[in-house]
Amino acid sequence: LIRLNYGDDILASLQQFVADRQIHNAVFLNAF
């Protein structure tokens, strides 16, 4: 579960998270 805050860019944050955690394959289950 990832929580982003006011002003965060969603795509840039996800790209950084995936790189930092070295995630190769995943599925987005949902978001709100």
PDB file of all heavy atoms in Angstrom:
ATOM      1  N   LEU A   1       0.859  -1.173   0.000  1.00  0.00           N
ATOM      2  CA  LEU A   1       0.000   0.000   0.000  1.00  0.00           C
ATOM      3  C   LEU A   1       0.898   1.226   0.000  1.00  0.00           C
ATOM      4  O   LEU A   1       1.796   1.340   0.839  1.00  0.00           O
ATOM      5  CB  LEU A   1      -0.910   0.016   1.230  1.00  0.00           C
ATOM      6  CG  LEU A   1      -2.092  -0.947   1.201  1.00  0.00           C
ATOM      7  CD1 LEU A   1      -1.647  -2.387   1.167  1.00  0.00           C
ATOM      8  CD2 LEU A   1      -2.997  -0.689   2.374  1.00  0.00           C
ATOM      9  N   ILE A   2       0.667   2.106  -0.942  1.00  0.00           N
ATOM     10  CA  ILE A   2       1.491   3.303  -1.113  1.00  0.00           C
ATOM     11  C   ILE A   2       0.596   4.513  -0.893  1.00  0.00           C
ATOM     12  O   ILE A   2      -0.476   4.605  -1.496  1.00  0.00           O
ATOM     13  CB  ILE A   2       2.086   3.345  -2.533  1.00  0.00           C
ATOM     14  CG1 ILE A   2       2.880   2.073  -2.817  1.00  0.00           C
ATOM     15  CG2 ILE A   2       2.934   4.593  -2.735  1.00  0.00           C
ATOM     16  CD1 ILE A   2       3.142   1.823  -4.285  1.00  0.00           C
ATOM     17  N   ARG A   3       1.034   5.436  -0.048  1.00  0.00           N
ATOM     18  CA  ARG A   3       0.271   6.675   0.172  1.00  0.00           C
ATOM     19  C   ARG A   3       1.109   7.849  -0.283  1.00  0.00           C
ATOM     20  O   ARG A   3       2.227   8.064   0.186  1.00  0.00           O
ATOM     21  CB  ARG A   3      -0.088   6.871   1.639  1.00  0.00           C
ATOM     22  CG  ARG A   3      -0.993   8.098   1.846  1.00  0.00           C
ATOM     23  CD  ARG A   3      -1.292   8.300   3.327  1.00  0.00           C
ATOM     24  NE  ARG A   3      -2.321   9.278   3.562  1.00  0.00           N
ATOM     25  CZ  ARG A   3      -2.115  10.605   3.636  1.00  0.00           C
ATOM     26  NH1 ARG A   3      -0.909  11.107   3.464  1.00  0.00           N
ATOM     27  NH2 ARG A   3      -3.132  11.430   3.885  1.00  0.00           N
ATOM     28  N   LEU A   4       0.549   8.622  -1.205  1.00  0.00           N
ATOM     29  CA  LEU A   4       1.196   9.841  -1.693  1.00  0.00           C
ATOM     30  C   LEU A   4       0.522  11.042  -1.057  1.00  0.00           C
ATOM     31  O   LEU A   4      -0.653  10.987  -0.684  1.00  0.00           O
ATOM     32  CB  LEU A   4       1.101   9.923  -3.213  1.00  0.00           C
ATOM     33  CG  LEU A   4       1.665   8.708  -3.980  1.00  0.00           C
ATOM     34  CD1 LEU A   4       1.488   8.898  -5.471  1.00  0.00           C
ATOM     35  CD2 LEU A   4       3.110   8.459  -3.615  1.00  0.00           C
ATOM     36  N   ASN A   5       1.264  12.130  -0.945  1.00  0.00           N
ATOM     37  CA  ASN A   5       0.795  13.325  -0.254  1.00  0.00           C
ATOM     38  C   ASN A   5       0.593  14.493  -1.211  1.00  0.00           C
ATOM     39  O   ASN A   5       1.000  14.453  -2.373  1.00  0.00           O
ATOM     40  CB  ASN A   5       1.805  13.714   0.830  1.00  0.00           C
ATOM     41  CG  ASN A   5       1.929  12.646   1.876  1.00  0.00           C
ATOM     42  OD1 ASN A   5       0.938  12.189   2.429  1.00  0.00           O
ATOM     43  ND2 ASN A   5       3.156  12.221   2.142  1.00  0.00           N
ATOM     44  N   TYR A   6       0.007  15.557  -0.675  1.00  0.00           N
ATOM     45  CA  TYR A   6      -0.271  16.776  -1.434  1.00  0.00           C
ATOM     46  C   TYR A   6       0.942  17.191  -2.273  1.00  0.00           C
ATOM     47  O   TYR A   6       2.062  17.272  -1.766  1.00  0.00           O
ATOM     48  CB  TYR A   6      -0.643  17.913  -0.476  1.00  0.00           C
ATOM     49  CG  TYR A   6      -0.819  19.239  -1.183  1.00  0.00           C
ATOM     50  CD1 TYR A   6      -2.002  19.512  -1.867  1.00  0.00           C
ATOM     51  CD2 TYR A   6       0.192  20.186  -1.196  1.00  0.00           C
ATOM     52  CE1 TYR A   6      -2.172  20.718  -2.529  1.00  0.00           C
ATOM     53  CE2 TYR A   6       0.029  21.392  -1.861  1.00  0.00           C
ATOM     54  CZ  TYR A   6      -1.151  21.645  -2.528  1.00  0.00           C
ATOM     55  OH  TYR A   6      -1.305  22.826  -3.203  1.00  0.00           O
ATOM     56  N   GLY A   7       0.696  17.435  -3.549  1.00  0.00           N
ATOM     57  CA  GLY A   7       1.730  17.934  -4.446  1.00  0.00           C
ATOM     58  C   GLY A   7       2.574  16.871  -5.122  1.00  0.00           C
ATOM     59  O   GLY A   7       3.278  17.158  -6.083  1.00  0.00           O
ATOM     60  N   ASP A   8       2.521  15.621  -4.627  1.00  0.00           N
ATOM     61  CA  ASP A   8       3.311  14.560  -5.255  1.00  0.00           C
ATOM     62  C   ASP A   8       2.818  14.305  -6.675  1.00  0.00           C
ATOM     63  O   ASP A   8       1.611  14.315  -6.946  1.00  0.00           O
ATOM     64  CB  ASP A   8       3.201  13.251  -4.468  1.00  0.00           C
ATOM     65  CG  ASP A   8       3.949  13.272  -3.144  1.00  0.00           C
ATOM     66  OD1 ASP A   8       4.800  14.164  -2.947  1.00  0.00           O
ATOM     67  OD2 ASP A   8       3.669  12.393  -2.305  1.00  0.00           O
ATOM     68  N   ASP A   9       3.744  14.054  -7.580  1.00  0.00           N
ATOM     69  CA  ASP A   9       3.414  13.627  -8.940  1.00  0.00           C
ATOM     70  C   ASP A   9       3.225  12.110  -8.884  1.00  0.00           C
ATOM     71  O   ASP A   9       4.148  11.380  -8.490  1.00  0.00           O
ATOM     72  CB  ASP A   9       4.539  13.998  -9.902  1.00  0.00           C
ATOM     73  CG  ASP A   9       4.222  13.626 -11.332  1.00  0.00           C
ATOM     74  OD1 ASP A   9       4.183  12.412 -11.638  1.00  0.00           O
ATOM     75  OD2 ASP A   9       4.023  14.536 -12.149  1.00  0.00           O
ATOM     76  N   ILE A  10       2.061  11.635  -9.274  1.00  0.00           N
ATOM     77  CA  ILE A  10       1.746  10.214  -9.111  1.00  0.00           C
ATOM     78  C   ILE A  10       2.699   9.339  -9.907  1.00  0.00           C
ATOM     79  O   ILE A  10       3.282   8.390  -9.370  1.00  0.00           O
ATOM     80  CB  ILE A  10       0.276   9.927  -9.480  1.00  0.00           C
ATOM     81  CG1 ILE A  10      -0.663  10.675  -8.524  1.00  0.00           C
ATOM     82  CG2 ILE A  10      -0.001   8.424  -9.458  1.00  0.00           C
ATOM     83  CD1 ILE A  10      -2.128  10.616  -8.906  1.00  0.00           C
ATOM     84  N   LEU A  11       2.893   9.620 -11.190  1.00  0.00           N
ATOM     85  CA  LEU A  11       3.755   8.774 -12.013  1.00  0.00           C
ATOM     86  C   LEU A  11       5.201   8.814 -11.543  1.00  0.00           C
ATOM     87  O   LEU A  11       5.837   7.764 -11.390  1.00  0.00           O
ATOM     88  CB  LEU A  11       3.660   9.172 -13.485  1.00  0.00           C
ATOM     89  CG  LEU A  11       4.488   8.328 -14.454  1.00  0.00           C
ATOM     90  CD1 LEU A  11       4.131   6.842 -14.353  1.00  0.00           C
ATOM     91  CD2 LEU A  11       4.315   8.835 -15.879  1.00  0.00           C
ATOM     92  N   ALA A  12       5.736   9.994 -11.299  1.00  0.00           N
ATOM     93  CA  ALA A  12       7.129  10.101 -10.836  1.00  0.00           C
ATOM     94  C   ALA A  12       7.324   9.372  -9.510  1.00  0.00           C
ATOM     95  O   ALA A  12       8.339   8.688  -9.313  1.00  0.00           O
ATOM     96  CB  ALA A  12       7.530  11.568 -10.705  1.00  0.00           C
ATOM     97  N   SER A  13       6.356   9.483  -8.608  1.00  0.00           N
ATOM     98  CA  SER A  13       6.451   8.804  -7.315  1.00  0.00           C
ATOM     99  C   SER A  13       6.445   7.293  -7.490  1.00  0.00           C
ATOM    100  O   SER A  13       7.223   6.574  -6.846  1.00  0.00           O
ATOM    101  CB  SER A  13       5.299   9.226  -6.409  1.00  0.00           C
ATOM    102  OG  SER A  13       5.361  10.601  -6.124  1.00  0.00           O
ATOM    103  N   LEU A  14       5.577   6.795  -8.356  1.00  0.00           N
ATOM    104  CA  LEU A  14       5.522   5.358  -8.598  1.00  0.00           C
ATOM    105  C   LEU A  14       6.799   4.856  -9.265  1.00  0.00           C
ATOM    106  O   LEU A  14       7.311   3.786  -8.917  1.00  0.00           O
ATOM    107  CB  LEU A  14       4.299   5.005  -9.445  1.00  0.00           C
ATOM    108  CG  LEU A  14       2.963   5.141  -8.738  1.00  0.00           C
ATOM    109  CD1 LEU A  14       1.819   4.972  -9.724  1.00  0.00           C
ATOM    110  CD2 LEU A  14       2.854   4.135  -7.598  1.00  0.00           C
ATOM    111  N   GLN A  15       7.320   5.610 -10.224  1.00  0.00           N
ATOM    112  CA  GLN A  15       8.567   5.211 -10.880  1.00  0.00           C
ATOM    113  C   GLN A  15       9.704   5.143  -9.875  1.00  0.00           C
ATOM    114  O   GLN A  15      10.512   4.203  -9.898  1.00  0.00           O
ATOM    115  CB  GLN A  15       8.902   6.180 -12.014  1.00  0.00           C
ATOM    116  CG  GLN A  15       7.969   6.047 -13.194  1.00  0.00           C
ATOM    117  CD  GLN A  15       8.114   7.170 -14.203  1.00  0.00           C
ATOM    118  OE1 GLN A  15       8.453   8.307 -13.865  1.00  0.00           O
ATOM    119  NE2 GLN A  15       7.833   6.863 -15.454  1.00  0.00           N
ATOM    120  N   GLN A  16       9.777   6.109  -8.984  1.00  0.00           N
ATOM    121  CA  GLN A  16      10.825   6.114  -7.966  1.00  0.00           C
ATOM    122  C   GLN A  16      10.656   4.948  -7.003  1.00  0.00           C
ATOM    123  O   GLN A  16      11.626   4.277  -6.644  1.00  0.00           O
ATOM    124  CB  GLN A  16      10.820   7.436  -7.197  1.00  0.00           C
ATOM    125  CG  GLN A  16      11.972   7.580  -6.229  1.00  0.00           C
ATOM    126  CD  GLN A  16      13.313   7.635  -6.936  1.00  0.00           C
ATOM    127  OE1 GLN A  16      13.511   8.455  -7.821  1.00  0.00           O
ATOM    128  NE2 GLN A  16      14.232   6.756  -6.570  1.00  0.00           N
ATOM    129  N   PHE A  17       9.422   4.693  -6.586  1.00  0.00           N
ATOM    130  CA  PHE A  17       9.144   3.592  -5.667  1.00  0.00           C
ATOM    131  C   PHE A  17       9.552   2.252  -6.287  1.00  0.00           C
ATOM    132  O   PHE A  17      10.217   1.431  -5.659  1.00  0.00           O
ATOM    133  CB  PHE A  17       7.660   3.577  -5.285  1.00  0.00           C
ATOM    134  CG  PHE A  17       7.299   2.471  -4.351  1.00  0.00           C
ATOM    135  CD1 PHE A  17       7.515   2.591  -2.994  1.00  0.00           C
ATOM    136  CD2 PHE A  17       6.753   1.290  -4.836  1.00  0.00           C
ATOM    137  CE1 PHE A  17       7.200   1.559  -2.121  1.00  0.00           C
ATOM    138  CE2 PHE A  17       6.436   0.251  -3.976  1.00  0.00           C
ATOM    139  CZ  PHE A  17       6.652   0.384  -2.618  1.00  0.00           C
ATOM    140  N   VAL A  18       9.161   2.024  -7.534  1.00  0.00           N
ATOM    141  CA  VAL A  18       9.474   0.778  -8.232  1.00  0.00           C
ATOM    142  C   VAL A  18      10.989   0.610  -8.372  1.00  0.00           C
ATOM    143  O   VAL A  18      11.520  -0.479  -8.159  1.00  0.00           O
ATOM    144  CB  VAL A  18       8.763   0.746  -9.604  1.00  0.00           C
ATOM    145  CG1 VAL A  18       9.334  -0.321 -10.520  1.00  0.00           C
ATOM    146  CG2 VAL A  18       7.262   0.544  -9.401  1.00  0.00           C
ATOM    147  N   ALA A  19      11.688   1.683  -8.704  1.00  0.00           N
ATOM    148  CA  ALA A  19      13.148   1.621  -8.826  1.00  0.00           C
ATOM    149  C   ALA A  19      13.804   1.350  -7.485  1.00  0.00           C
ATOM    150  O   ALA A  19      14.683   0.479  -7.383  1.00  0.00           O
ATOM    151  CB  ALA A  19      13.682   2.913  -9.429  1.00  0.00           C
ATOM    152  N   ASP A  20      13.379   2.070  -6.448  1.00  0.00           N
ATOM    153  CA  ASP A  20      13.968   1.897  -5.117  1.00  0.00           C
ATOM    154  C   ASP A  20      13.761   0.480  -4.583  1.00  0.00           C
ATOM    155  O   ASP A  20      14.652  -0.078  -3.950  1.00  0.00           O
ATOM    156  CB  ASP A  20      13.382   2.894  -4.118  1.00  0.00           C
ATOM    157  CG  ASP A  20      13.823   4.326  -4.372  1.00  0.00           C
ATOM    158  OD1 ASP A  20      14.746   4.539  -5.189  1.00  0.00           O
ATOM    159  OD2 ASP A  20      13.231   5.224  -3.740  1.00  0.00           O
ATOM    160  N   ARG A  21      12.579  -0.070  -4.814  1.00  0.00           N
ATOM    161  CA  ARG A  21      12.256  -1.411  -4.304  1.00  0.00           C
ATOM    162  C   ARG A  21      12.654  -2.517  -5.274  1.00  0.00           C
ATOM    163  O   ARG A  21      12.458  -3.685  -4.992  1.00  0.00           O
ATOM    164  CB  ARG A  21      10.757  -1.509  -4.016  1.00  0.00           C
ATOM    165  CG  ARG A  21      10.259  -0.622  -2.887  1.00  0.00           C
ATOM    166  CD  ARG A  21      10.523  -1.167  -1.497  1.00  0.00           C
ATOM    167  NE  ARG A  21       9.818  -2.391  -1.210  1.00  0.00           N
ATOM    168  CZ  ARG A  21       8.673  -2.489  -0.566  1.00  0.00           C
ATOM    169  NH1 ARG A  21       8.076  -1.403  -0.114  1.00  0.00           N
ATOM    170  NH2 ARG A  21       8.109  -3.656  -0.379  1.00  0.00           N
ATOM    171  N   GLN A  22      13.170  -2.143  -6.444  1.00  0.00           N
ATOM    172  CA  GLN A  22      13.582  -3.092  -7.484  1.00  0.00           C
ATOM    173  C   GLN A  22      12.449  -4.064  -7.831  1.00  0.00           C
ATOM    174  O   GLN A  22      12.632  -5.275  -7.892  1.00  0.00           O
ATOM    175  CB  GLN A  22      14.839  -3.839  -7.069  1.00  0.00           C
ATOM    176  CG  GLN A  22      16.017  -2.915  -6.857  1.00  0.00           C
ATOM    177  CD  GLN A  22      17.284  -3.641  -6.435  1.00  0.00           C
ATOM    178  OE1 GLN A  22      17.278  -4.817  -6.084  1.00  0.00           O
ATOM    179  NE2 GLN A  22      18.385  -2.917  -6.482  1.00  0.00           N
ATOM    180  N   ILE A  23      11.277  -3.484  -8.076  1.00  0.00           N
ATOM    181  CA  ILE A  23      10.103  -4.282  -8.441  1.00  0.00           C
ATOM    182  C   ILE A  23      10.133  -4.508  -9.946  1.00  0.00           C
ATOM    183  O   ILE A  23      10.208  -3.563 -10.726  1.00  0.00           O
ATOM    184  CB  ILE A  23       8.810  -3.574  -8.003  1.00  0.00           C
ATOM    185  CG1 ILE A  23       8.782  -3.487  -6.467  1.00  0.00           C
ATOM    186  CG2 ILE A  23       7.586  -4.294  -8.549  1.00  0.00           C
ATOM    187  CD1 ILE A  23       7.655  -2.656  -5.910  1.00  0.00           C
ATOM    188  N   HIS A  24      10.080  -5.779 -10.333  1.00  0.00           N
ATOM    189  CA  HIS A  24      10.162  -6.134 -11.745  1.00  0.00           C
ATOM    190  C   HIS A  24       8.772  -6.270 -12.378  1.00  0.00           C
ATOM    191  O   HIS A  24       8.514  -5.730 -13.442  1.00  0.00           O
ATOM    192  CB  HIS A  24      10.968  -7.427 -11.904  1.00  0.00           C
ATOM    193  CG  HIS A  24      11.335  -7.741 -13.300  1.00  0.00           C
ATOM    194  ND1 HIS A  24      12.203  -6.975 -14.041  1.00  0.00           N
ATOM    195  CD2 HIS A  24      10.931  -8.743 -14.117  1.00  0.00           C
ATOM    196  CE1 HIS A  24      12.326  -7.490 -15.246  1.00  0.00           C
ATOM    197  NE2 HIS A  24      11.561  -8.561 -15.319  1.00  0.00           N
ATOM    198  N   ASN A  25       7.885  -7.005 -11.718  1.00  0.00           N
ATOM    199  CA  ASN A  25       6.537  -7.231 -12.240  1.00  0.00           C
ATOM    200  C   ASN A  25       5.517  -7.038 -11.119  1.00  0.00           C
ATOM    201  O   ASN A  25       5.703  -7.554 -10.018  1.00  0.00           O
ATOM    202  CB  ASN A  25       6.388  -8.657 -12.786  1.00  0.00           C
ATOM    203  CG  ASN A  25       7.292  -8.928 -13.969  1.00  0.00           C
ATOM    204  OD1 ASN A  25       7.444  -8.091 -14.845  1.00  0.00           O
ATOM    205  ND2 ASN A  25       7.891 -10.104 -13.992  1.00  0.00           N
ATOM    206  N   ALA A  26       4.454  -6.313 -11.428  1.00  0.00           N
ATOM    207  CA  ALA A  26       3.404  -6.072 -10.440  1.00  0.00           C
ATOM    208  C   ALA A  26       2.128  -5.653 -11.161  1.00  0.00           C
ATOM    209  O   ALA A  26       2.149  -5.330 -12.355  1.00  0.00           O
ATOM    210  CB  ALA A  26       3.837  -4.978  -9.458  1.00  0.00           C
ATOM    211  N   VAL A  27       1.031  -5.674 -10.421  1.00  0.00           N
ATOM    212  CA  VAL A  27      -0.239  -5.190 -10.951  1.00  0.00           C
ATOM    213  C   VAL A  27      -0.799  -4.137 -10.010  1.00  0.00           C
ATOM    214  O   VAL A  27      -0.670  -4.240  -8.788  1.00  0.00           O
ATOM    215  CB  VAL A  27      -1.280  -6.317 -11.149  1.00  0.00           C
ATOM    216  CG1 VAL A  27      -0.816  -7.293 -12.205  1.00  0.00           C
ATOM    217  CG2 VAL A  27      -1.569  -7.048  -9.859  1.00  0.00           C
ATOM    218  N   PHE A  28      -1.387  -3.095 -10.588  1.00  0.00           N
ATOM    219  CA  PHE A  28      -2.100  -2.113  -9.781  1.00  0.00           C
ATOM    220  C   PHE A  28      -3.461  -2.704  -9.484  1.00  0.00           C
ATOM    221  O   PHE A  28      -4.224  -3.028 -10.387  1.00  0.00           O
ATOM    222  CB  PHE A  28      -2.242  -0.775 -10.516  1.00  0.00           C
ATOM    223  CG  PHE A  28      -0.938  -0.055 -10.664  1.00  0.00           C
ATOM    224  CD1 PHE A  28      -0.341   0.074 -11.904  1.00  0.00           C
ATOM    225  CD2 PHE A  28      -0.292   0.474  -9.559  1.00  0.00           C
ATOM    226  CE1 PHE A  28       0.871   0.725 -12.040  1.00  0.00           C
ATOM    227  CE2 PHE A  28       0.918   1.118  -9.677  1.00  0.00           C
ATOM    228  CZ  PHE A  28       1.503   1.244 -10.926  1.00  0.00           C
ATOM    229  N   LEU A  29      -3.770  -2.855  -8.211  1.00  0.00           N
ATOM    230  CA  LEU A  29      -5.032  -3.450  -7.811  1.00  0.00           C
ATOM    231  C   LEU A  29      -6.140  -2.410  -7.756  1.00  0.00           C
ATOM    232  O   LEU A  29      -7.289  -2.715  -8.067  1.00  0.00           O
ATOM    233  CB  LEU A  29      -4.876  -4.146  -6.461  1.00  0.00           C
ATOM    234  CG  LEU A  29      -3.794  -5.234  -6.436  1.00  0.00           C
ATOM    235  CD1 LEU A  29      -3.573  -5.742  -5.019  1.00  0.00           C
ATOM    236  CD2 LEU A  29      -4.160  -6.364  -7.387  1.00  0.00           C
ATOM    237  N   ASN A  30      -5.800  -1.186  -7.368  1.00  0.00           N
ATOM    238  CA  ASN A  30      -6.747  -0.081  -7.357  1.00  0.00           C
ATOM    239  C   ASN A  30      -6.081   1.125  -6.710  1.00  0.00           C
ATOM    240  O   ASN A  30      -4.931   1.043  -6.261  1.00  0.00           O
ATOM    241  CB  ASN A  30      -8.042  -0.424  -6.640  1.00  0.00           C
ATOM    242  CG  ASN A  30      -9.228   0.298  -7.253  1.00  0.00           C
ATOM    243  OD1 ASN A  30      -9.069   1.303  -7.946  1.00  0.00           O
ATOM    244  ND2 ASN A  30     -10.420  -0.214  -7.002  1.00  0.00           N
ATOM    245  N   ALA A  31      -6.805   2.216  -6.657  1.00  0.00           N
ATOM    246  CA  ALA A  31      -6.317   3.439  -6.027  1.00  0.00           C
ATOM    247  C   ALA A  31      -7.512   4.334  -5.717  1.00  0.00           C
ATOM    248  O   ALA A  31      -8.590   4.177  -6.296  1.00  0.00           O
ATOM    249  CB  ALA A  31      -5.343   4.175  -6.938  1.00  0.00           C
ATOM    250  N   PHE A  32      -7.294   5.274  -4.806  1.00  0.00           N
ATOM    251  CA  PHE A  32      -8.300   6.299  -4.528  1.00  0.00           C
ATOM    252  C   PHE A  32      -7.588   7.516  -3.974  1.00  0.00           C
ATOM    253  O   PHE A  32      -6.443   7.451  -3.555  1.00  0.00           O
ATOM    254  CB  PHE A  32      -9.386   5.792  -3.563  1.00  0.00           C
ATOM    255  CG  PHE A  32      -8.885   5.445  -2.185  1.00  0.00           C
ATOM    256  CD1 PHE A  32      -8.937   6.383  -1.161  1.00  0.00           C
ATOM    257  CD2 PHE A  32      -8.369   4.192  -1.909  1.00  0.00           C
ATOM    258  CE1 PHE A  32      -8.482   6.058   0.119  1.00  0.00           C
ATOM    259  CE2 PHE A  32      -7.918   3.862  -0.638  1.00  0.00           C
ATOM    260  CZ  PHE A  32      -7.974   4.797   0.377  1.00  0.00           C
TER     261      PHE A  32
END
